[in-house]
Amino acid sequence: MALLSDLAMLRARVAASGSRLEKRRLVAEYLRELPPEDLPRAVTYLSGRAFPASDPRVLNVRSLPAPAATASPATPLALADVARAFGDVAETGGAGARRLRESRLRELAERASEAERDLLQRVIYGEMRMGLSEGLVLEAIAEARGHRRGGRRRLRGSAAGRPRHGRPHRRRRPRPGRRRAGPVGRAAARVRSPPAHACGDRR
């Protein structure tokens, strides 16, 4: 289970570093330790999004509501908790939807620490402000998977739709009503499903 506090700590460390290589190393190190089901969530939030680029849902809120003055964090928040709360907010509609969205987000805020609330607010705003571009996230994902420079080049070539190994590369048209996953989402899926030879025990 990936905790929101760890992601908030990572965000602070990445923002404090002025080195591009160090930023990439920190993110790769974090991603490498994540359970497979939490990897897409972490990559999404690191990219300053509440949902993956291929997901049409939106939060339709301006900010994270302030917690009650008497609220104190209880059980640690996991990335899965955030994903459920964001999903509930996005799917809320009809009469009283605004009040219900704010109520659900306030529940989330009251379970979060100050650092976690800052991170959630940044995700809602869509501005992480830590000097982490999408390209750098892609490189960190590749490094987490065990690639070096050559692997990153192959990953970039594949994501951009360029031919590999001299063979023409055809773009597939997305099915009607579906959005194509962005480069970051596709790269995260590669980490989530490593090749068979990479699954052995390391001693």
N, C-alpha and C. Protein backbone atom coordinates (compact mmCIF):
# COMPACT_ATOMS: atom_id res chain seq x y z
N MET A 1 0.85 -1.20 0.00
CA MET A 1 0.00 0.00 0.00
C MET A 1 0.88 1.25 0.00
N ALA A 2 0.71 2.09 -0.99
CA ALA A 2 1.49 3.33 -1.09
C ALA A 2 0.80 4.44 -0.33
N LEU A 3 1.53 5.11 0.54
CA LEU A 3 0.97 6.17 1.37
C LEU A 3 1.11 7.54 0.70
N LEU A 4 0.13 8.39 0.92
CA LEU A 4 0.17 9.74 0.39
C LEU A 4 1.31 10.53 1.02
N SER A 5 1.63 10.24 2.27
CA SER A 5 2.71 10.95 2.96
C SER A 5 4.05 10.75 2.25
N ASP A 6 4.28 9.54 1.71
CA ASP A 6 5.53 9.28 1.00
C ASP A 6 5.59 10.08 -0.30
N LEU A 7 4.46 10.20 -0.98
CA LEU A 7 4.43 10.98 -2.21
C LEU A 7 4.63 12.46 -1.91
N ALA A 8 4.06 12.94 -0.81
CA ALA A 8 4.25 14.33 -0.41
C ALA A 8 5.72 14.60 -0.08
N MET A 9 6.36 13.64 0.58
CA MET A 9 7.77 13.78 0.92
C MET A 9 8.63 13.79 -0.35
N LEU A 10 8.27 12.93 -1.30
CA LEU A 10 9.00 12.90 -2.57
C LEU A 10 8.87 14.23 -3.29
N ARG A 11 7.66 14.76 -3.33
CA ARG A 11 7.43 16.04 -4.01
C ARG A 11 8.31 17.14 -3.41
N ALA A 12 8.43 17.17 -2.08
CA ALA A 12 9.26 18.17 -1.42
C ALA A 12 10.74 17.99 -1.76
N ARG A 13 11.19 16.75 -1.79
CA ARG A 13 12.61 16.48 -2.09
C ARG A 13 12.94 16.83 -3.54
N VAL A 14 12.03 16.50 -4.45
CA VAL A 14 12.26 16.82 -5.86
C VAL A 14 12.27 18.33 -6.07
N ALA A 15 11.33 19.03 -5.42
CA ALA A 15 11.27 20.49 -5.55
C ALA A 15 12.52 21.16 -4.99
N ALA A 16 13.11 20.56 -3.95
CA ALA A 16 14.29 21.16 -3.31
C ALA A 16 15.58 20.91 -4.09
N SER A 17 15.56 19.94 -4.99
CA SER A 17 16.77 19.61 -5.75
C SER A 17 16.87 20.47 -7.00
N GLY A 18 18.07 20.97 -7.27
CA GLY A 18 18.30 21.74 -8.49
C GLY A 18 18.90 20.91 -9.59
N SER A 19 19.12 19.63 -9.34
CA SER A 19 19.77 18.75 -10.31
C SER A 19 18.74 17.92 -11.05
N ARG A 20 18.78 17.96 -12.36
CA ARG A 20 17.85 17.18 -13.16
C ARG A 20 18.06 15.68 -12.94
N LEU A 21 19.32 15.27 -12.86
CA LEU A 21 19.62 13.86 -12.65
C LEU A 21 19.15 13.39 -11.28
N GLU A 22 19.30 14.26 -10.28
CA GLU A 22 18.86 13.89 -8.94
C GLU A 22 17.34 13.79 -8.88
N LYS A 23 16.64 14.69 -9.55
CA LYS A 23 15.18 14.60 -9.60
C LYS A 23 14.75 13.27 -10.21
N ARG A 24 15.40 12.91 -11.31
CA ARG A 24 15.06 11.65 -11.97
C ARG A 24 15.36 10.46 -11.07
N ARG A 25 16.50 10.51 -10.39
CA ARG A 25 16.88 9.41 -9.50
C ARG A 25 15.87 9.25 -8.35
N LEU A 26 15.46 10.37 -7.76
CA LEU A 26 14.51 10.32 -6.65
C LEU A 26 13.18 9.72 -7.08
N VAL A 27 12.69 10.15 -8.24
CA VAL A 27 11.40 9.64 -8.73
C VAL A 27 11.51 8.16 -9.09
N ALA A 28 12.60 7.79 -9.77
CA ALA A 28 12.79 6.38 -10.16
C ALA A 28 12.88 5.49 -8.93
N GLU A 29 13.60 5.94 -7.93
CA GLU A 29 13.74 5.17 -6.69
C GLU A 29 12.39 4.97 -6.01
N TYR A 30 11.57 6.02 -6.02
CA TYR A 30 10.23 5.94 -5.42
C TYR A 30 9.34 4.97 -6.21
N LEU A 31 9.32 5.12 -7.54
CA LEU A 31 8.45 4.29 -8.37
C LEU A 31 8.84 2.82 -8.29
N ARG A 32 10.13 2.55 -8.16
CA ARG A 32 10.61 1.17 -8.14
C ARG A 32 10.05 0.39 -6.95
N GLU A 33 9.75 1.07 -5.86
CA GLU A 33 9.29 0.40 -4.64
C GLU A 33 7.77 0.29 -4.55
N LEU A 34 7.05 0.83 -5.52
CA LEU A 34 5.58 0.85 -5.44
C LEU A 34 4.97 -0.49 -5.81
N PRO A 35 3.85 -0.85 -5.17
CA PRO A 35 3.07 -2.00 -5.64
C PRO A 35 2.54 -1.69 -7.05
N PRO A 36 2.37 -2.70 -7.89
CA PRO A 36 1.93 -2.47 -9.27
C PRO A 36 0.64 -1.66 -9.39
N GLU A 37 -0.32 -1.91 -8.47
CA GLU A 37 -1.61 -1.21 -8.58
C GLU A 37 -1.50 0.27 -8.24
N ASP A 38 -0.45 0.68 -7.53
CA ASP A 38 -0.31 2.08 -7.14
C ASP A 38 0.54 2.89 -8.12
N LEU A 39 1.24 2.23 -9.00
CA LEU A 39 2.12 2.94 -9.93
C LEU A 39 1.39 3.95 -10.81
N PRO A 40 0.26 3.57 -11.46
CA PRO A 40 -0.44 4.56 -12.29
C PRO A 40 -0.95 5.75 -11.48
N ARG A 41 -1.39 5.51 -10.25
CA ARG A 41 -1.87 6.62 -9.42
C ARG A 41 -0.73 7.58 -9.10
N ALA A 42 0.41 7.05 -8.72
CA ALA A 42 1.55 7.91 -8.37
C ALA A 42 2.00 8.73 -9.57
N VAL A 43 2.09 8.10 -10.73
CA VAL A 43 2.53 8.80 -11.94
C VAL A 43 1.53 9.89 -12.31
N THR A 44 0.25 9.59 -12.16
CA THR A 44 -0.80 10.57 -12.47
C THR A 44 -0.67 11.79 -11.57
N TYR A 45 -0.53 11.58 -10.27
CA TYR A 45 -0.45 12.70 -9.32
C TYR A 45 0.86 13.47 -9.49
N LEU A 46 1.96 12.76 -9.78
CA LEU A 46 3.23 13.45 -10.03
C LEU A 46 3.14 14.35 -11.26
N SER A 47 2.28 13.98 -12.19
CA SER A 47 2.09 14.78 -13.40
C SER A 47 1.13 15.94 -13.19
N GLY A 48 0.62 16.10 -11.97
CA GLY A 48 -0.29 17.20 -11.67
C GLY A 48 -1.69 16.97 -12.18
N ARG A 49 -2.13 15.72 -12.22
CA ARG A 49 -3.47 15.39 -12.70
C ARG A 49 -4.21 14.59 -11.64
N ALA A 50 -5.51 14.76 -11.60
CA ALA A 50 -6.32 13.95 -10.70
C ALA A 50 -6.64 12.61 -11.33
N PHE A 51 -6.66 12.57 -12.67
CA PHE A 51 -6.94 11.34 -13.41
C PHE A 51 -5.94 11.21 -14.56
N PRO A 52 -5.72 9.98 -15.04
CA PRO A 52 -4.82 9.81 -16.18
C PRO A 52 -5.28 10.62 -17.39
N ALA A 53 -4.34 10.92 -18.28
CA ALA A 53 -4.66 11.72 -19.46
C ALA A 53 -5.72 11.04 -20.33
N SER A 54 -5.80 9.71 -20.28
CA SER A 54 -6.78 8.98 -21.09
C SER A 54 -8.16 8.92 -20.44
N ASP A 55 -8.28 9.43 -19.21
CA ASP A 55 -9.54 9.38 -18.46
C ASP A 55 -10.27 10.71 -18.63
N PRO A 56 -11.49 10.71 -19.16
CA PRO A 56 -12.20 11.97 -19.41
C PRO A 56 -12.79 12.63 -18.17
N ARG A 57 -12.73 11.98 -17.01
CA ARG A 57 -13.35 12.55 -15.81
C ARG A 57 -12.61 13.81 -15.34
N VAL A 58 -13.37 14.71 -14.73
CA VAL A 58 -12.81 15.93 -14.13
C VAL A 58 -13.43 16.12 -12.76
N LEU A 59 -12.74 16.87 -11.89
CA LEU A 59 -13.23 17.07 -10.53
C LEU A 59 -14.31 18.14 -10.44
N ASN A 60 -14.22 19.17 -11.27
CA ASN A 60 -15.18 20.29 -11.22
C ASN A 60 -15.21 20.95 -9.85
N VAL A 61 -14.05 21.15 -9.26
CA VAL A 61 -13.94 21.88 -8.00
C VAL A 61 -12.84 22.92 -8.14
N ARG A 62 -12.91 23.96 -7.31
CA ARG A 62 -11.92 25.03 -7.38
C ARG A 62 -10.71 24.76 -6.51
N SER A 63 -10.95 24.15 -5.34
CA SER A 63 -9.84 23.93 -4.42
C SER A 63 -10.22 22.86 -3.40
N LEU A 64 -9.28 22.52 -2.55
CA LEU A 64 -9.52 21.58 -1.47
C LEU A 64 -10.12 22.33 -0.29
N PRO A 65 -11.29 21.94 0.18
CA PRO A 65 -11.90 22.65 1.32
C PRO A 65 -11.02 22.55 2.56
N ALA A 66 -11.08 23.58 3.39
CA ALA A 66 -10.32 23.57 4.64
C ALA A 66 -10.94 22.56 5.60
N PRO A 67 -10.12 21.82 6.34
CA PRO A 67 -10.68 20.88 7.32
C PRO A 67 -11.26 21.61 8.52
N ALA A 68 -12.10 20.93 9.26
CA ALA A 68 -12.65 21.51 10.49
C ALA A 68 -11.53 21.78 11.48
N ALA A 69 -11.70 22.79 12.30
CA ALA A 69 -10.64 23.19 13.22
C ALA A 69 -10.27 22.07 14.19
N THR A 70 -11.22 21.22 14.51
CA THR A 70 -10.98 20.14 15.48
C THR A 70 -10.50 18.85 14.83
N ALA A 71 -10.39 18.84 13.50
CA ALA A 71 -10.03 17.61 12.80
C ALA A 71 -8.56 17.28 13.04
N SER A 72 -8.27 16.00 13.12
CA SER A 72 -6.89 15.54 13.25
C SER A 72 -6.75 14.27 12.44
N PRO A 73 -5.59 14.10 11.74
CA PRO A 73 -5.41 12.91 10.91
C PRO A 73 -5.58 11.63 11.72
N ALA A 74 -6.31 10.66 11.16
CA ALA A 74 -6.53 9.38 11.83
C ALA A 74 -5.63 8.34 11.18
N THR A 75 -6.23 7.39 10.48
CA THR A 75 -5.43 6.39 9.78
C THR A 75 -4.71 7.04 8.60
N PRO A 76 -3.50 6.58 8.27
CA PRO A 76 -2.74 7.18 7.17
C PRO A 76 -3.51 7.08 5.85
N LEU A 77 -3.41 8.11 5.06
CA LEU A 77 -4.05 8.12 3.75
C LEU A 77 -3.20 7.37 2.74
N ALA A 78 -3.84 6.52 1.97
CA ALA A 78 -3.16 5.81 0.89
C ALA A 78 -3.53 6.44 -0.44
N LEU A 79 -2.73 6.17 -1.46
CA LEU A 79 -3.05 6.68 -2.80
C LEU A 79 -4.40 6.13 -3.26
N ALA A 80 -4.72 4.91 -2.84
CA ALA A 80 -6.02 4.33 -3.21
C ALA A 80 -7.17 5.12 -2.60
N ASP A 81 -6.98 5.64 -1.39
CA ASP A 81 -8.02 6.45 -0.75
C ASP A 81 -8.27 7.73 -1.55
N VAL A 82 -7.18 8.34 -2.02
CA VAL A 82 -7.29 9.56 -2.82
C VAL A 82 -8.01 9.26 -4.13
N ALA A 83 -7.63 8.16 -4.76
CA ALA A 83 -8.26 7.79 -6.03
C ALA A 83 -9.76 7.56 -5.87
N ARG A 84 -10.17 6.92 -4.77
CA ARG A 84 -11.60 6.69 -4.52
C ARG A 84 -12.33 8.01 -4.29
N ALA A 85 -11.71 8.89 -3.50
CA ALA A 85 -12.35 10.17 -3.22
C ALA A 85 -12.49 11.00 -4.50
N PHE A 86 -11.43 11.06 -5.30
CA PHE A 86 -11.49 11.81 -6.56
C PHE A 86 -12.54 11.20 -7.49
N GLY A 87 -12.63 9.88 -7.52
CA GLY A 87 -13.64 9.23 -8.35
C GLY A 87 -15.05 9.58 -7.90
N ASP A 88 -15.27 9.57 -6.58
CA ASP A 88 -16.59 9.94 -6.05
C ASP A 88 -16.95 11.37 -6.42
N VAL A 89 -15.98 12.27 -6.31
CA VAL A 89 -16.23 13.68 -6.62
C VAL A 89 -16.56 13.85 -8.10
N ALA A 90 -15.81 13.20 -8.97
CA ALA A 90 -16.03 13.34 -10.41
C ALA A 90 -17.38 12.78 -10.85
N GLU A 91 -17.85 11.77 -10.16
CA GLU A 91 -19.10 11.12 -10.56
C GLU A 91 -20.33 11.72 -9.88
N THR A 92 -20.12 12.71 -9.04
CA THR A 92 -21.25 13.36 -8.36
C THR A 92 -21.90 14.37 -9.28
N GLY A 93 -23.19 14.28 -9.45
CA GLY A 93 -23.92 15.22 -10.31
C GLY A 93 -25.32 15.45 -9.79
N GLY A 94 -26.06 16.29 -10.49
CA GLY A 94 -27.43 16.55 -10.11
C GLY A 94 -27.57 17.61 -9.05
N ALA A 95 -28.75 17.68 -8.44
CA ALA A 95 -29.03 18.71 -7.44
C ALA A 95 -28.14 18.51 -6.21
N GLY A 96 -27.58 19.60 -5.75
CA GLY A 96 -26.72 19.54 -4.57
C GLY A 96 -25.35 18.97 -4.82
N ALA A 97 -24.95 18.86 -6.09
CA ALA A 97 -23.68 18.23 -6.42
C ALA A 97 -22.49 19.00 -5.84
N ARG A 98 -22.57 20.33 -5.90
CA ARG A 98 -21.45 21.12 -5.39
C ARG A 98 -21.23 20.87 -3.91
N ARG A 99 -22.29 20.84 -3.15
CA ARG A 99 -22.18 20.60 -1.71
C ARG A 99 -21.63 19.21 -1.43
N LEU A 100 -22.09 18.22 -2.19
CA LEU A 100 -21.63 16.86 -1.99
C LEU A 100 -20.15 16.71 -2.35
N ARG A 101 -19.73 17.38 -3.42
CA ARG A 101 -18.30 17.33 -3.80
C ARG A 101 -17.44 17.92 -2.70
N GLU A 102 -17.84 19.08 -2.19
CA GLU A 102 -17.07 19.74 -1.14
C GLU A 102 -17.03 18.88 0.13
N SER A 103 -18.14 18.23 0.43
CA SER A 103 -18.21 17.39 1.62
C SER A 103 -17.24 16.21 1.49
N ARG A 104 -17.20 15.60 0.31
CA ARG A 104 -16.31 14.44 0.10
C ARG A 104 -14.85 14.88 0.15
N LEU A 105 -14.53 16.01 -0.42
CA LEU A 105 -13.15 16.49 -0.38
C LEU A 105 -12.76 16.94 1.04
N ARG A 106 -13.72 17.47 1.79
CA ARG A 106 -13.41 17.87 3.17
C ARG A 106 -13.09 16.64 4.02
N GLU A 107 -13.79 15.55 3.78
CA GLU A 107 -13.47 14.31 4.48
C GLU A 107 -12.03 13.91 4.20
N LEU A 108 -11.62 14.05 2.95
CA LEU A 108 -10.25 13.72 2.57
C LEU A 108 -9.26 14.66 3.25
N ALA A 109 -9.58 15.96 3.25
CA ALA A 109 -8.69 16.96 3.86
C ALA A 109 -8.53 16.73 5.35
N GLU A 110 -9.60 16.28 6.01
CA GLU A 110 -9.55 16.09 7.46
C GLU A 110 -8.73 14.86 7.84
N ARG A 111 -8.52 13.97 6.91
CA ARG A 111 -7.66 12.80 7.16
C ARG A 111 -6.21 13.06 6.79
N ALA A 112 -5.95 14.19 6.15
CA ALA A 112 -4.61 14.48 5.63
C ALA A 112 -3.83 15.38 6.57
N SER A 113 -2.52 15.23 6.53
CA SER A 113 -1.64 16.15 7.25
C SER A 113 -1.50 17.43 6.44
N GLU A 114 -0.81 18.41 7.00
CA GLU A 114 -0.63 19.67 6.28
C GLU A 114 0.13 19.47 4.97
N ALA A 115 1.18 18.66 5.02
CA ALA A 115 1.97 18.40 3.80
C ALA A 115 1.14 17.66 2.76
N GLU A 116 0.29 16.73 3.22
CA GLU A 116 -0.56 15.98 2.30
C GLU A 116 -1.63 16.88 1.69
N ARG A 117 -2.18 17.79 2.49
CA ARG A 117 -3.18 18.73 1.95
C ARG A 117 -2.54 19.63 0.91
N ASP A 118 -1.31 20.04 1.13
CA ASP A 118 -0.61 20.86 0.14
C ASP A 118 -0.47 20.11 -1.18
N LEU A 119 -0.13 18.84 -1.10
CA LEU A 119 0.00 18.02 -2.30
C LEU A 119 -1.34 17.87 -3.01
N LEU A 120 -2.39 17.58 -2.27
CA LEU A 120 -3.72 17.42 -2.86
C LEU A 120 -4.17 18.71 -3.55
N GLN A 121 -3.89 19.83 -2.90
CA GLN A 121 -4.25 21.11 -3.49
C GLN A 121 -3.53 21.33 -4.81
N ARG A 122 -2.27 20.94 -4.87
CA ARG A 122 -1.49 21.09 -6.10
C ARG A 122 -2.03 20.21 -7.21
N VAL A 123 -2.45 19.00 -6.85
CA VAL A 123 -3.04 18.10 -7.85
C VAL A 123 -4.33 18.70 -8.39
N ILE A 124 -5.16 19.25 -7.50
CA ILE A 124 -6.42 19.86 -7.93
C ILE A 124 -6.18 21.06 -8.83
N TYR A 125 -5.17 21.87 -8.48
CA TYR A 125 -4.82 23.03 -9.31
C TYR A 125 -4.15 22.61 -10.62
N GLY A 126 -3.51 21.44 -10.61
CA GLY A 126 -2.78 20.99 -11.79
C GLY A 126 -1.42 21.62 -11.93
N GLU A 127 -0.85 22.07 -10.80
CA GLU A 127 0.47 22.71 -10.82
C GLU A 127 1.31 22.16 -9.67
N MET A 128 2.20 21.21 -9.98
CA MET A 128 3.03 20.63 -8.93
C MET A 128 4.20 21.54 -8.56
N ARG A 129 4.71 22.30 -9.53
CA ARG A 129 5.80 23.25 -9.29
C ARG A 129 6.99 22.62 -8.57
N MET A 130 7.55 21.61 -9.21
CA MET A 130 8.75 20.98 -8.63
C MET A 130 9.81 20.71 -9.70
N GLY A 131 9.65 21.33 -10.88
CA GLY A 131 10.64 21.18 -11.93
C GLY A 131 10.69 19.79 -12.51
N LEU A 132 9.54 19.13 -12.59
CA LEU A 132 9.48 17.76 -13.11
C LEU A 132 8.61 17.74 -14.36
N SER A 133 9.26 17.74 -15.50
CA SER A 133 8.53 17.73 -16.77
C SER A 133 8.04 16.33 -17.09
N GLU A 134 7.15 16.23 -18.07
CA GLU A 134 6.65 14.93 -18.48
C GLU A 134 7.79 14.07 -19.02
N GLY A 135 8.71 14.71 -19.73
CA GLY A 135 9.86 13.96 -20.27
C GLY A 135 10.71 13.37 -19.16
N LEU A 136 10.89 14.13 -18.08
CA LEU A 136 11.68 13.63 -16.96
C LEU A 136 10.96 12.50 -16.24
N VAL A 137 9.64 12.58 -16.16
CA VAL A 137 8.87 11.48 -15.58
C VAL A 137 9.04 10.22 -16.42
N LEU A 138 9.03 10.37 -17.74
CA LEU A 138 9.24 9.22 -18.64
C LEU A 138 10.60 8.59 -18.40
N GLU A 139 11.62 9.43 -18.25
CA GLU A 139 12.96 8.91 -18.01
C GLU A 139 13.03 8.19 -16.67
N ALA A 140 12.36 8.74 -15.65
CA ALA A 140 12.36 8.11 -14.34
C ALA A 140 11.64 6.75 -14.39
N ILE A 141 10.55 6.68 -15.16
CA ILE A 141 9.83 5.41 -15.31
C ILE A 141 10.74 4.38 -15.97
N ALA A 142 11.46 4.80 -17.02
CA ALA A 142 12.36 3.89 -17.71
C ALA A 142 13.48 3.43 -16.78
N GLU A 143 14.02 4.34 -15.98
CA GLU A 143 15.08 3.97 -15.04
C GLU A 143 14.55 3.02 -13.98
N ALA A 144 13.32 3.24 -13.53
CA ALA A 144 12.72 2.36 -12.54
C ALA A 144 12.56 0.95 -13.08
N ARG A 145 12.37 0.84 -14.37
CA ARG A 145 12.19 -0.46 -15.00
C ARG A 145 13.53 -1.15 -15.27
N GLY A 146 14.61 -0.42 -15.09
CA GLY A 146 15.92 -1.01 -15.25
C GLY A 146 16.60 -0.66 -16.55
N HIS A 147 16.02 0.29 -17.31
CA HIS A 147 16.62 0.71 -18.57
C HIS A 147 17.77 1.66 -18.30
N ARG A 148 18.66 1.75 -19.24
CA ARG A 148 19.69 2.77 -19.25
C ARG A 148 19.44 3.65 -20.46
N ARG A 149 20.46 4.35 -20.92
CA ARG A 149 20.26 5.33 -21.98
C ARG A 149 19.63 4.73 -23.22
N GLY A 150 20.12 3.56 -23.66
CA GLY A 150 19.56 2.96 -24.87
C GLY A 150 18.10 2.61 -24.71
N GLY A 151 17.71 2.10 -23.51
CA GLY A 151 16.32 1.76 -23.28
C GLY A 151 15.44 2.97 -23.30
N ARG A 152 15.93 4.09 -22.76
CA ARG A 152 15.13 5.30 -22.76
C ARG A 152 14.89 5.79 -24.18
N ARG A 153 15.91 5.64 -25.03
CA ARG A 153 15.73 6.07 -26.42
C ARG A 153 14.69 5.22 -27.12
N ARG A 154 14.72 3.91 -26.86
CA ARG A 154 13.70 3.04 -27.48
C ARG A 154 12.32 3.40 -26.96
N LEU A 155 12.23 3.70 -25.66
CA LEU A 155 10.94 4.08 -25.08
C LEU A 155 10.41 5.35 -25.71
N ARG A 156 11.30 6.35 -25.87
CA ARG A 156 10.85 7.61 -26.48
C ARG A 156 10.43 7.39 -27.91
N GLY A 157 11.19 6.58 -28.66
CA GLY A 157 10.84 6.34 -30.04
C GLY A 157 9.49 5.66 -30.17
N SER A 158 9.23 4.70 -29.30
CA SER A 158 7.96 4.01 -29.32
C SER A 158 6.82 4.94 -28.96
N ALA A 159 7.02 5.79 -27.92
CA ALA A 159 5.96 6.69 -27.46
C ALA A 159 5.62 7.72 -28.51
N ALA A 160 6.61 8.14 -29.31
CA ALA A 160 6.38 9.17 -30.30
C ALA A 160 5.82 8.62 -31.59
N GLY A 161 5.76 7.27 -31.70
CA GLY A 161 5.22 6.68 -32.92
C GLY A 161 6.23 6.56 -34.03
N ARG A 162 7.56 6.65 -33.69
CA ARG A 162 8.58 6.53 -34.70
C ARG A 162 8.91 5.06 -34.93
N PRO A 163 9.43 4.68 -36.13
CA PRO A 163 9.75 3.28 -36.40
C PRO A 163 10.92 2.83 -35.56
N ARG A 164 10.91 1.55 -35.16
CA ARG A 164 12.01 0.96 -34.43
C ARG A 164 12.60 -0.19 -35.23
N HIS A 165 13.92 -0.41 -35.13
CA HIS A 165 14.61 -1.51 -35.78
C HIS A 165 14.38 -1.51 -37.29
N GLY A 166 14.19 -0.33 -37.87
CA GLY A 166 14.09 -0.22 -39.31
C GLY A 166 12.75 -0.61 -39.88
N ARG A 167 11.78 -1.00 -39.07
CA ARG A 167 10.47 -1.39 -39.58
C ARG A 167 9.49 -0.24 -39.46
N PRO A 168 8.61 -0.06 -40.43
CA PRO A 168 7.63 1.03 -40.33
C PRO A 168 6.70 0.81 -39.14
N HIS A 169 6.38 1.88 -38.49
CA HIS A 169 5.51 1.81 -37.31
C HIS A 169 4.17 2.46 -37.64
N ARG A 170 3.12 1.67 -37.54
CA ARG A 170 1.79 2.19 -37.87
C ARG A 170 1.10 2.71 -36.62
N ARG A 171 0.47 3.84 -36.75
CA ARG A 171 -0.35 4.37 -35.66
C ARG A 171 -1.73 3.73 -35.71
N ARG A 172 -2.18 3.24 -34.59
CA ARG A 172 -3.53 2.69 -34.53
C ARG A 172 -4.51 3.78 -34.16
N ARG A 173 -5.60 3.77 -34.86
CA ARG A 173 -6.63 4.75 -34.53
C ARG A 173 -7.38 4.32 -33.28
N PRO A 174 -7.56 5.25 -32.32
CA PRO A 174 -8.31 4.88 -31.10
C PRO A 174 -9.75 4.57 -31.43
N ARG A 175 -10.33 3.67 -30.67
CA ARG A 175 -11.73 3.32 -30.88
C ARG A 175 -12.62 4.50 -30.54
N PRO A 176 -13.75 4.62 -31.21
CA PRO A 176 -14.66 5.73 -30.90
C PRO A 176 -15.04 5.74 -29.43
N GLY A 177 -15.03 6.94 -28.83
CA GLY A 177 -15.43 7.08 -27.44
C GLY A 177 -14.33 6.78 -26.45
N ARG A 178 -13.12 6.41 -26.94
CA ARG A 178 -12.02 6.11 -26.03
C ARG A 178 -10.86 7.05 -26.31
N ARG A 179 -10.16 7.44 -25.25
CA ARG A 179 -9.00 8.29 -25.39
C ARG A 179 -7.75 7.44 -25.35
N ARG A 180 -6.79 7.82 -26.15
CA ARG A 180 -5.53 7.10 -26.17
C ARG A 180 -4.68 7.54 -24.99
N ALA A 181 -4.06 6.58 -24.32
CA ALA A 181 -3.20 6.91 -23.18
C ALA A 181 -1.99 7.70 -23.65
N GLY A 182 -1.55 8.66 -22.86
CA GLY A 182 -0.39 9.46 -23.18
C GLY A 182 0.89 8.68 -22.96
N PRO A 183 2.05 9.27 -23.34
CA PRO A 183 3.33 8.58 -23.18
C PRO A 183 3.59 8.16 -21.75
N VAL A 184 3.24 9.02 -20.79
CA VAL A 184 3.50 8.68 -19.39
C VAL A 184 2.67 7.48 -18.97
N GLY A 185 1.40 7.45 -19.37
CA GLY A 185 0.55 6.32 -19.02
C GLY A 185 1.03 5.02 -19.62
N ARG A 186 1.48 5.06 -20.90
CA ARG A 186 1.98 3.85 -21.54
C ARG A 186 3.26 3.37 -20.87
N ALA A 187 4.13 4.30 -20.51
CA ALA A 187 5.38 3.93 -19.85
C ALA A 187 5.11 3.34 -18.48
N ALA A 188 4.14 3.89 -17.76
CA ALA A 188 3.78 3.34 -16.44
C ALA A 188 3.27 1.92 -16.58
N ALA A 189 2.53 1.65 -17.65
CA ALA A 189 2.03 0.30 -17.87
C ALA A 189 3.17 -0.66 -18.12
N ARG A 190 4.24 -0.19 -18.75
CA ARG A 190 5.40 -1.05 -18.99
C ARG A 190 6.08 -1.43 -17.68
N VAL A 191 6.15 -0.50 -16.75
CA VAL A 191 6.73 -0.81 -15.45
C VAL A 191 5.83 -1.78 -14.70
N ARG A 192 4.52 -1.59 -14.85
CA ARG A 192 3.56 -2.43 -14.16
C ARG A 192 3.63 -3.87 -14.65
N SER A 193 4.02 -4.06 -15.91
CA SER A 193 4.10 -5.41 -16.48
C SER A 193 5.50 -5.64 -17.02
N PRO A 194 6.49 -5.91 -16.15
CA PRO A 194 7.86 -6.09 -16.59
C PRO A 194 8.01 -7.36 -17.40
N PRO A 195 9.06 -7.45 -18.23
CA PRO A 195 9.29 -8.67 -19.00
C PRO A 195 9.57 -9.84 -18.08
N ALA A 196 9.34 -11.07 -18.59
CA ALA A 196 9.45 -12.26 -17.75
C ALA A 196 10.83 -12.42 -17.16
N HIS A 197 11.89 -12.07 -17.94
CA HIS A 197 13.25 -12.27 -17.46
C HIS A 197 13.60 -11.32 -16.32
N ALA A 198 12.76 -10.29 -16.11
CA ALA A 198 13.05 -9.32 -15.06
C ALA A 198 12.35 -9.66 -13.75
N CYS A 199 11.65 -10.79 -13.71
CA CYS A 199 10.83 -11.11 -12.54
C CYS A 199 11.53 -12.05 -11.57
N GLY A 200 12.74 -12.47 -11.87
CA GLY A 200 13.45 -13.38 -10.99
C GLY A 200 13.90 -12.70 -9.72
N ASP A 201 14.21 -13.49 -8.69
CA ASP A 201 14.69 -12.93 -7.44
C ASP A 201 16.09 -12.40 -7.60
N ARG A 202 16.32 -11.25 -7.01
CA ARG A 202 17.65 -10.66 -7.02
C ARG A 202 18.30 -10.93 -5.67
N ARG A 203 19.48 -11.46 -5.72
CA ARG A 203 20.18 -11.78 -4.48
C ARG A 203 21.44 -10.93 -4.39
